[in-house]
Amino acid sequence: MDRWLLVTLWILLPGSVLLLVPRRKLRTFIMACFATHILVWIKVTLLVHFKIVTFPLREFPIASDLSFTMPNVVYPVLTGYYILWKPERMRMAGIVTLVVCSGIFASLHLLLDSFTRLIDLTARYYWFADWVSFIVILFAVNRFMSWFQAK
């Protein structure tokens, strides 16, 4: 079941990029994915190093203790969509969008922990900390993209 979920993610997410991302915004989407990949990879590496998160079912179990799909595909693509569809200014609607999207990311972690073997959160890992970390990641990517598009 878990492997089918990974296969489905690998089919749906790149397919959705082809269908939902306008060609003129593809560069912005790709840069947001790269920026997110860097930040999420650092976060996941630290969490695995301190044994706060484990990944029982990994794509490359001999090469790494990290998951490949979540930090390299799922979160970058979802953040790319966030960057494309967020309100232009970080006023109230932008802040609400930031908080809601990061809450969706943190809830995704909880759902994967509860119903799959893709991620295993320890008792020391709190949903609130995950939520705050995703707020920081989305905000940092948003600031980077604002700087990148201003150049």
N, C-alpha and C. Protein backbone atom coordinates (compact mmCIF):
# COMPACT_ATOMS: atom_id res chain seq x y z
N MET A 1 0.82 -1.20 0.00
CA MET A 1 0.00 0.00 0.00
C MET A 1 0.86 1.26 0.00
N ASP A 2 1.90 1.29 0.84
CA ASP A 2 2.75 2.47 0.93
C ASP A 2 3.54 2.71 -0.35
N ARG A 3 3.98 1.63 -0.96
CA ARG A 3 4.71 1.78 -2.23
C ARG A 3 3.80 2.32 -3.33
N TRP A 4 2.53 1.91 -3.30
CA TRP A 4 1.59 2.45 -4.28
C TRP A 4 1.34 3.93 -4.05
N LEU A 5 1.36 4.34 -2.81
CA LEU A 5 1.23 5.77 -2.51
C LEU A 5 2.41 6.55 -3.08
N LEU A 6 3.62 6.00 -2.93
CA LEU A 6 4.79 6.66 -3.51
C LEU A 6 4.71 6.73 -5.04
N VAL A 7 4.30 5.64 -5.66
CA VAL A 7 4.15 5.62 -7.12
C VAL A 7 3.11 6.65 -7.55
N THR A 8 2.00 6.71 -6.81
CA THR A 8 0.95 7.68 -7.13
C THR A 8 1.47 9.11 -7.01
N LEU A 9 2.23 9.39 -5.95
CA LEU A 9 2.80 10.73 -5.79
C LEU A 9 3.74 11.07 -6.94
N TRP A 10 4.55 10.08 -7.35
CA TRP A 10 5.49 10.32 -8.44
C TRP A 10 4.79 10.51 -9.78
N ILE A 11 3.59 10.01 -9.93
CA ILE A 11 2.84 10.22 -11.17
C ILE A 11 2.02 11.51 -11.09
N LEU A 12 1.32 11.70 -9.99
CA LEU A 12 0.42 12.85 -9.88
C LEU A 12 1.14 14.20 -9.79
N LEU A 13 2.17 14.29 -8.99
CA LEU A 13 2.81 15.59 -8.80
C LEU A 13 3.51 16.13 -10.04
N PRO A 14 4.38 15.35 -10.71
CA PRO A 14 4.93 15.88 -11.96
C PRO A 14 3.86 16.10 -13.04
N GLY A 15 2.85 15.23 -13.06
CA GLY A 15 1.75 15.43 -14.02
C GLY A 15 0.98 16.70 -13.74
N SER A 16 0.78 16.99 -12.46
CA SER A 16 0.06 18.22 -12.11
C SER A 16 0.87 19.45 -12.48
N VAL A 17 2.19 19.36 -12.40
CA VAL A 17 3.02 20.49 -12.80
C VAL A 17 2.83 20.77 -14.29
N LEU A 18 2.80 19.71 -15.08
CA LEU A 18 2.61 19.89 -16.53
C LEU A 18 1.25 20.50 -16.85
N LEU A 19 0.24 20.17 -16.05
CA LEU A 19 -1.11 20.65 -16.32
C LEU A 19 -1.44 21.99 -15.68
N LEU A 20 -0.91 22.26 -14.49
CA LEU A 20 -1.37 23.41 -13.72
C LEU A 20 -0.43 24.62 -13.72
N VAL A 21 0.82 24.42 -14.07
CA VAL A 21 1.77 25.54 -14.03
C VAL A 21 1.84 26.18 -15.42
N PRO A 22 1.46 27.46 -15.51
CA PRO A 22 1.57 28.14 -16.81
C PRO A 22 3.02 28.23 -17.27
N ARG A 23 3.22 28.17 -18.54
CA ARG A 23 4.57 28.16 -19.11
C ARG A 23 5.35 29.42 -18.71
N ARG A 24 4.70 30.56 -18.64
CA ARG A 24 5.39 31.80 -18.30
C ARG A 24 5.81 31.86 -16.83
N LYS A 25 5.23 31.01 -15.98
CA LYS A 25 5.57 30.98 -14.57
C LYS A 25 6.41 29.76 -14.19
N LEU A 26 6.84 29.01 -15.18
CA LEU A 26 7.59 27.78 -14.91
C LEU A 26 8.94 28.07 -14.23
N ARG A 27 9.60 29.14 -14.63
CA ARG A 27 10.88 29.50 -14.02
C ARG A 27 10.71 29.81 -12.54
N THR A 28 9.68 30.56 -12.21
CA THR A 28 9.38 30.88 -10.81
C THR A 28 9.09 29.61 -10.02
N PHE A 29 8.30 28.73 -10.60
CA PHE A 29 7.96 27.47 -9.95
C PHE A 29 9.20 26.63 -9.67
N ILE A 30 10.08 26.51 -10.64
CA ILE A 30 11.29 25.71 -10.49
C ILE A 30 12.21 26.30 -9.43
N MET A 31 12.37 27.61 -9.41
CA MET A 31 13.22 28.25 -8.39
C MET A 31 12.64 28.05 -7.00
N ALA A 32 11.32 28.13 -6.87
CA ALA A 32 10.69 27.89 -5.57
C ALA A 32 10.91 26.43 -5.13
N CYS A 33 10.85 25.50 -6.07
CA CYS A 33 11.11 24.10 -5.75
C CYS A 33 12.54 23.89 -5.28
N PHE A 34 13.51 24.52 -5.95
CA PHE A 34 14.90 24.38 -5.54
C PHE A 34 15.15 24.97 -4.16
N ALA A 35 14.61 26.15 -3.92
CA ALA A 35 14.79 26.80 -2.62
C ALA A 35 14.16 25.95 -1.51
N THR A 36 12.98 25.43 -1.76
CA THR A 36 12.31 24.58 -0.77
C THR A 36 13.10 23.30 -0.53
N HIS A 37 13.59 22.72 -1.59
CA HIS A 37 14.35 21.48 -1.47
C HIS A 37 15.52 21.66 -0.51
N ILE A 38 16.24 22.74 -0.65
CA ILE A 38 17.41 22.99 0.21
C ILE A 38 16.98 23.08 1.68
N LEU A 39 15.96 23.88 1.96
CA LEU A 39 15.53 24.09 3.35
C LEU A 39 14.91 22.84 3.96
N VAL A 40 14.08 22.14 3.21
CA VAL A 40 13.45 20.93 3.75
C VAL A 40 14.48 19.82 3.94
N TRP A 41 15.45 19.75 3.04
CA TRP A 41 16.50 18.74 3.19
C TRP A 41 17.29 18.97 4.48
N ILE A 42 17.61 20.23 4.77
CA ILE A 42 18.32 20.55 6.02
C ILE A 42 17.46 20.17 7.21
N LYS A 43 16.18 20.52 7.17
CA LYS A 43 15.28 20.20 8.28
C LYS A 43 15.19 18.69 8.50
N VAL A 44 14.95 17.94 7.44
CA VAL A 44 14.79 16.49 7.56
C VAL A 44 16.09 15.83 8.00
N THR A 45 17.21 16.30 7.49
CA THR A 45 18.50 15.74 7.89
C THR A 45 18.74 15.93 9.39
N LEU A 46 18.43 17.10 9.90
CA LEU A 46 18.59 17.34 11.34
C LEU A 46 17.63 16.48 12.17
N LEU A 47 16.39 16.35 11.71
CA LEU A 47 15.42 15.54 12.44
C LEU A 47 15.83 14.07 12.47
N VAL A 48 16.35 13.57 11.38
CA VAL A 48 16.81 12.17 11.34
C VAL A 48 18.07 12.00 12.17
N HIS A 49 18.97 12.97 12.11
CA HIS A 49 20.22 12.88 12.89
C HIS A 49 19.94 12.81 14.39
N PHE A 50 18.98 13.60 14.85
CA PHE A 50 18.64 13.60 16.28
C PHE A 50 17.58 12.56 16.64
N LYS A 51 17.28 11.68 15.69
CA LYS A 51 16.35 10.56 15.89
C LYS A 51 14.96 11.02 16.35
N ILE A 52 14.52 12.14 15.80
CA ILE A 52 13.18 12.64 16.07
C ILE A 52 12.21 12.07 15.03
N VAL A 53 12.72 11.84 13.82
CA VAL A 53 11.92 11.28 12.73
C VAL A 53 12.71 10.12 12.13
N THR A 54 12.02 9.05 11.81
CA THR A 54 12.62 7.95 11.06
C THR A 54 11.73 7.65 9.86
N PHE A 55 12.32 7.06 8.86
CA PHE A 55 11.61 6.68 7.65
C PHE A 55 11.76 5.17 7.47
N PRO A 56 10.79 4.38 7.99
CA PRO A 56 10.90 2.92 7.88
C PRO A 56 10.92 2.41 6.44
N LEU A 57 10.14 3.03 5.57
CA LEU A 57 10.09 2.62 4.17
C LEU A 57 10.75 3.72 3.35
N ARG A 58 11.96 3.43 2.85
CA ARG A 58 12.72 4.42 2.09
C ARG A 58 12.94 3.92 0.67
N GLU A 59 13.08 4.85 -0.25
CA GLU A 59 13.32 4.49 -1.63
C GLU A 59 14.72 3.94 -1.84
N PHE A 60 15.70 4.50 -1.13
CA PHE A 60 17.09 4.07 -1.24
C PHE A 60 17.61 3.72 0.16
N PRO A 61 17.22 2.56 0.70
CA PRO A 61 17.55 2.25 2.10
C PRO A 61 19.04 2.07 2.37
N ILE A 62 19.81 1.64 1.40
CA ILE A 62 21.24 1.45 1.63
C ILE A 62 21.98 2.78 1.58
N ALA A 63 21.52 3.69 0.75
CA ALA A 63 22.23 4.95 0.54
C ALA A 63 22.01 5.97 1.65
N SER A 64 20.80 5.99 2.22
CA SER A 64 20.50 7.07 3.16
C SER A 64 19.39 6.66 4.12
N ASP A 65 19.36 7.32 5.26
CA ASP A 65 18.27 7.13 6.22
C ASP A 65 17.11 8.08 5.94
N LEU A 66 17.25 8.92 4.93
CA LEU A 66 16.23 9.91 4.61
C LEU A 66 15.24 9.36 3.58
N SER A 67 14.06 9.90 3.61
CA SER A 67 13.10 9.64 2.56
C SER A 67 13.53 10.43 1.33
N PHE A 68 13.20 9.96 0.16
CA PHE A 68 13.55 10.70 -1.06
C PHE A 68 12.36 11.49 -1.58
N THR A 69 11.19 10.90 -1.56
CA THR A 69 10.03 11.51 -2.19
C THR A 69 9.54 12.75 -1.46
N MET A 70 9.44 12.70 -0.15
CA MET A 70 8.86 13.82 0.58
C MET A 70 9.69 15.10 0.47
N PRO A 71 10.99 15.10 0.83
CA PRO A 71 11.72 16.36 0.75
C PRO A 71 12.15 16.76 -0.66
N ASN A 72 12.17 15.82 -1.58
CA ASN A 72 12.65 16.13 -2.93
C ASN A 72 11.54 16.36 -3.95
N VAL A 73 10.35 15.84 -3.67
CA VAL A 73 9.27 15.98 -4.65
C VAL A 73 8.04 16.64 -4.03
N VAL A 74 7.50 16.06 -2.98
CA VAL A 74 6.21 16.50 -2.45
C VAL A 74 6.26 17.94 -1.94
N TYR A 75 7.13 18.22 -0.99
CA TYR A 75 7.16 19.56 -0.40
C TYR A 75 7.62 20.63 -1.39
N PRO A 76 8.63 20.39 -2.23
CA PRO A 76 8.96 21.41 -3.23
C PRO A 76 7.82 21.72 -4.20
N VAL A 77 7.12 20.69 -4.66
CA VAL A 77 6.02 20.95 -5.60
C VAL A 77 4.88 21.70 -4.90
N LEU A 78 4.54 21.30 -3.68
CA LEU A 78 3.48 22.00 -2.96
C LEU A 78 3.88 23.45 -2.66
N THR A 79 5.13 23.68 -2.33
CA THR A 79 5.59 25.05 -2.10
C THR A 79 5.60 25.85 -3.39
N GLY A 80 5.95 25.21 -4.49
CA GLY A 80 5.88 25.88 -5.79
C GLY A 80 4.48 26.36 -6.09
N TYR A 81 3.48 25.53 -5.79
CA TYR A 81 2.09 25.96 -5.96
C TYR A 81 1.74 27.10 -5.02
N TYR A 82 2.24 27.03 -3.79
CA TYR A 82 2.00 28.11 -2.83
C TYR A 82 2.55 29.43 -3.37
N ILE A 83 3.77 29.41 -3.90
CA ILE A 83 4.40 30.63 -4.42
C ILE A 83 3.62 31.17 -5.61
N LEU A 84 3.13 30.29 -6.47
CA LEU A 84 2.39 30.76 -7.65
C LEU A 84 1.02 31.33 -7.29
N TRP A 85 0.36 30.79 -6.29
CA TRP A 85 -1.03 31.16 -6.04
C TRP A 85 -1.25 32.00 -4.79
N LYS A 86 -0.19 32.36 -4.10
CA LYS A 86 -0.36 33.17 -2.89
C LYS A 86 -0.72 34.60 -3.28
N PRO A 87 -1.32 35.34 -2.36
CA PRO A 87 -1.57 36.77 -2.63
C PRO A 87 -0.24 37.51 -2.81
N GLU A 88 -0.26 38.55 -3.62
CA GLU A 88 0.97 39.27 -3.95
C GLU A 88 1.62 39.93 -2.75
N ARG A 89 0.85 40.54 -1.90
CA ARG A 89 1.39 41.24 -0.74
C ARG A 89 1.17 40.40 0.51
N MET A 90 2.09 40.51 1.45
CA MET A 90 1.98 39.75 2.69
C MET A 90 1.12 40.51 3.70
N ARG A 91 -0.05 40.89 3.28
CA ARG A 91 -1.00 41.51 4.20
C ARG A 91 -1.76 40.37 4.90
N MET A 92 -2.95 40.64 5.33
CA MET A 92 -3.71 39.65 6.11
C MET A 92 -3.99 38.38 5.29
N ALA A 93 -4.39 38.53 4.04
CA ALA A 93 -4.67 37.34 3.21
C ALA A 93 -3.40 36.53 2.98
N GLY A 94 -2.26 37.19 2.82
CA GLY A 94 -0.99 36.49 2.64
C GLY A 94 -0.57 35.74 3.89
N ILE A 95 -0.79 36.36 5.05
CA ILE A 95 -0.44 35.71 6.31
C ILE A 95 -1.34 34.51 6.55
N VAL A 96 -2.63 34.66 6.28
CA VAL A 96 -3.56 33.54 6.45
C VAL A 96 -3.19 32.40 5.50
N THR A 97 -2.84 32.72 4.26
CA THR A 97 -2.44 31.70 3.30
C THR A 97 -1.18 30.98 3.77
N LEU A 98 -0.22 31.72 4.29
CA LEU A 98 1.01 31.14 4.82
C LEU A 98 0.72 30.18 5.97
N VAL A 99 -0.10 30.61 6.91
CA VAL A 99 -0.42 29.79 8.08
C VAL A 99 -1.20 28.54 7.67
N VAL A 100 -2.15 28.69 6.76
CA VAL A 100 -2.97 27.55 6.34
C VAL A 100 -2.13 26.54 5.55
N CYS A 101 -1.30 27.02 4.63
CA CYS A 101 -0.47 26.10 3.83
C CYS A 101 0.53 25.35 4.71
N SER A 102 1.14 26.04 5.65
CA SER A 102 2.08 25.35 6.54
C SER A 102 1.34 24.37 7.44
N GLY A 103 0.11 24.69 7.82
CA GLY A 103 -0.70 23.75 8.59
C GLY A 103 -1.04 22.51 7.78
N ILE A 104 -1.26 22.69 6.49
CA ILE A 104 -1.53 21.54 5.61
C ILE A 104 -0.29 20.65 5.53
N PHE A 105 0.90 21.26 5.42
CA PHE A 105 2.13 20.48 5.37
C PHE A 105 2.32 19.69 6.66
N ALA A 106 2.12 20.35 7.80
CA ALA A 106 2.30 19.67 9.09
C ALA A 106 1.25 18.58 9.27
N SER A 107 0.03 18.82 8.83
CA SER A 107 -1.01 17.80 8.91
C SER A 107 -0.68 16.60 8.02
N LEU A 108 -0.07 16.87 6.88
CA LEU A 108 0.36 15.79 6.00
C LEU A 108 1.37 14.88 6.72
N HIS A 109 2.28 15.48 7.48
CA HIS A 109 3.21 14.68 8.28
C HIS A 109 2.47 13.79 9.26
N LEU A 110 1.49 14.35 9.95
CA LEU A 110 0.73 13.57 10.92
C LEU A 110 -0.06 12.44 10.26
N LEU A 111 -0.67 12.73 9.12
CA LEU A 111 -1.43 11.70 8.42
C LEU A 111 -0.52 10.57 7.94
N LEU A 112 0.64 10.93 7.41
CA LEU A 112 1.57 9.90 6.96
C LEU A 112 2.09 9.07 8.13
N ASP A 113 2.28 9.71 9.27
CA ASP A 113 2.71 8.97 10.46
C ASP A 113 1.62 8.02 10.95
N SER A 114 0.38 8.47 10.89
CA SER A 114 -0.72 7.68 11.43
C SER A 114 -1.12 6.51 10.54
N PHE A 115 -1.07 6.69 9.22
CA PHE A 115 -1.66 5.70 8.32
C PHE A 115 -0.68 4.98 7.40
N THR A 116 0.61 5.35 7.43
CA THR A 116 1.56 4.68 6.54
C THR A 116 2.84 4.34 7.30
N ARG A 117 3.74 3.66 6.60
CA ARG A 117 5.07 3.39 7.14
C ARG A 117 6.11 4.30 6.50
N LEU A 118 5.67 5.37 5.85
CA LEU A 118 6.59 6.27 5.18
C LEU A 118 7.34 7.16 6.16
N ILE A 119 6.72 7.47 7.28
CA ILE A 119 7.34 8.34 8.27
C ILE A 119 6.94 7.86 9.66
N ASP A 120 7.86 7.97 10.59
CA ASP A 120 7.57 7.59 11.96
C ASP A 120 8.07 8.72 12.86
N LEU A 121 7.15 9.42 13.49
CA LEU A 121 7.49 10.53 14.37
C LEU A 121 7.63 10.01 15.79
N THR A 122 8.65 10.46 16.50
CA THR A 122 8.82 10.05 17.89
C THR A 122 7.88 10.85 18.78
N ALA A 123 7.80 10.45 20.03
CA ALA A 123 6.92 11.13 20.98
C ALA A 123 7.38 12.56 21.25
N ARG A 124 8.67 12.84 21.02
CA ARG A 124 9.19 14.18 21.28
C ARG A 124 8.84 15.17 20.18
N TYR A 125 8.30 14.69 19.09
CA TYR A 125 8.02 15.55 17.94
C TYR A 125 6.59 16.05 18.02
N TYR A 126 6.44 17.34 18.05
CA TYR A 126 5.12 17.93 18.22
C TYR A 126 4.65 18.57 16.91
N TRP A 127 3.35 18.48 16.69
CA TRP A 127 2.75 19.05 15.50
C TRP A 127 3.01 20.54 15.42
N PHE A 128 2.96 21.22 16.55
CA PHE A 128 3.16 22.66 16.57
C PHE A 128 4.56 23.04 16.09
N ALA A 129 5.57 22.30 16.50
CA ALA A 129 6.94 22.58 16.07
C ALA A 129 7.08 22.36 14.56
N ASP A 130 6.44 21.34 14.05
CA ASP A 130 6.46 21.08 12.61
C ASP A 130 5.77 22.21 11.87
N TRP A 131 4.66 22.65 12.39
CA TRP A 131 3.89 23.74 11.79
C TRP A 131 4.73 25.01 11.75
N VAL A 132 5.38 25.34 12.85
CA VAL A 132 6.22 26.55 12.90
C VAL A 132 7.39 26.42 11.93
N SER A 133 7.99 25.25 11.86
CA SER A 133 9.12 25.08 10.93
C SER A 133 8.68 25.25 9.48
N PHE A 134 7.49 24.78 9.14
CA PHE A 134 7.00 24.99 7.77
C PHE A 134 6.62 26.44 7.54
N ILE A 135 6.15 27.15 8.56
CA ILE A 135 5.91 28.59 8.41
C ILE A 135 7.23 29.29 8.08
N VAL A 136 8.29 28.94 8.79
CA VAL A 136 9.59 29.54 8.55
C VAL A 136 10.09 29.21 7.14
N ILE A 137 9.92 27.96 6.73
CA ILE A 137 10.38 27.55 5.40
C ILE A 137 9.61 28.29 4.31
N LEU A 138 8.29 28.32 4.42
CA LEU A 138 7.49 29.01 3.40
C LEU A 138 7.78 30.51 3.38
N PHE A 139 7.96 31.11 4.54
CA PHE A 139 8.28 32.53 4.60
C PHE A 139 9.65 32.80 3.96
N ALA A 140 10.63 31.94 4.27
CA ALA A 140 11.98 32.12 3.70
C ALA A 140 11.96 31.96 2.18
N VAL A 141 11.23 30.97 1.69
CA VAL A 141 11.12 30.78 0.24
C VAL A 141 10.40 31.97 -0.39
N ASN A 142 9.38 32.46 0.28
CA ASN A 142 8.66 33.63 -0.22
C ASN A 142 9.58 34.85 -0.31
N ARG A 143 10.38 35.09 0.71
CA ARG A 143 11.33 36.22 0.70
C ARG A 143 12.37 36.02 -0.40
N PHE A 144 12.89 34.79 -0.54
CA PHE A 144 13.86 34.51 -1.58
C PHE A 144 13.26 34.76 -2.95
N MET A 145 12.04 34.32 -3.15
CA MET A 145 11.40 34.50 -4.46
C MET A 145 11.13 35.98 -4.75
N SER A 146 10.79 36.74 -3.72
CA SER A 146 10.61 38.18 -3.92
C SER A 146 11.93 38.83 -4.35
N TRP A 147 13.02 38.43 -3.71
CA TRP A 147 14.33 38.94 -4.07
C TRP A 147 14.71 38.46 -5.47
N PHE A 148 14.46 37.20 -5.77
CA PHE A 148 14.83 36.63 -7.07
C PHE A 148 14.08 37.31 -8.20
N GLN A 149 12.80 37.59 -8.00
CA GLN A 149 12.00 38.20 -9.05
C GLN A 149 12.29 39.69 -9.19
N ALA A 150 12.85 40.32 -8.17
CA ALA A 150 13.18 41.73 -8.25
C ALA A 150 14.44 41.97 -9.08
N LYS A 151 15.29 40.96 -9.19
CA LYS A 151 16.55 41.12 -9.94
C LYS A 151 16.30 41.21 -11.41
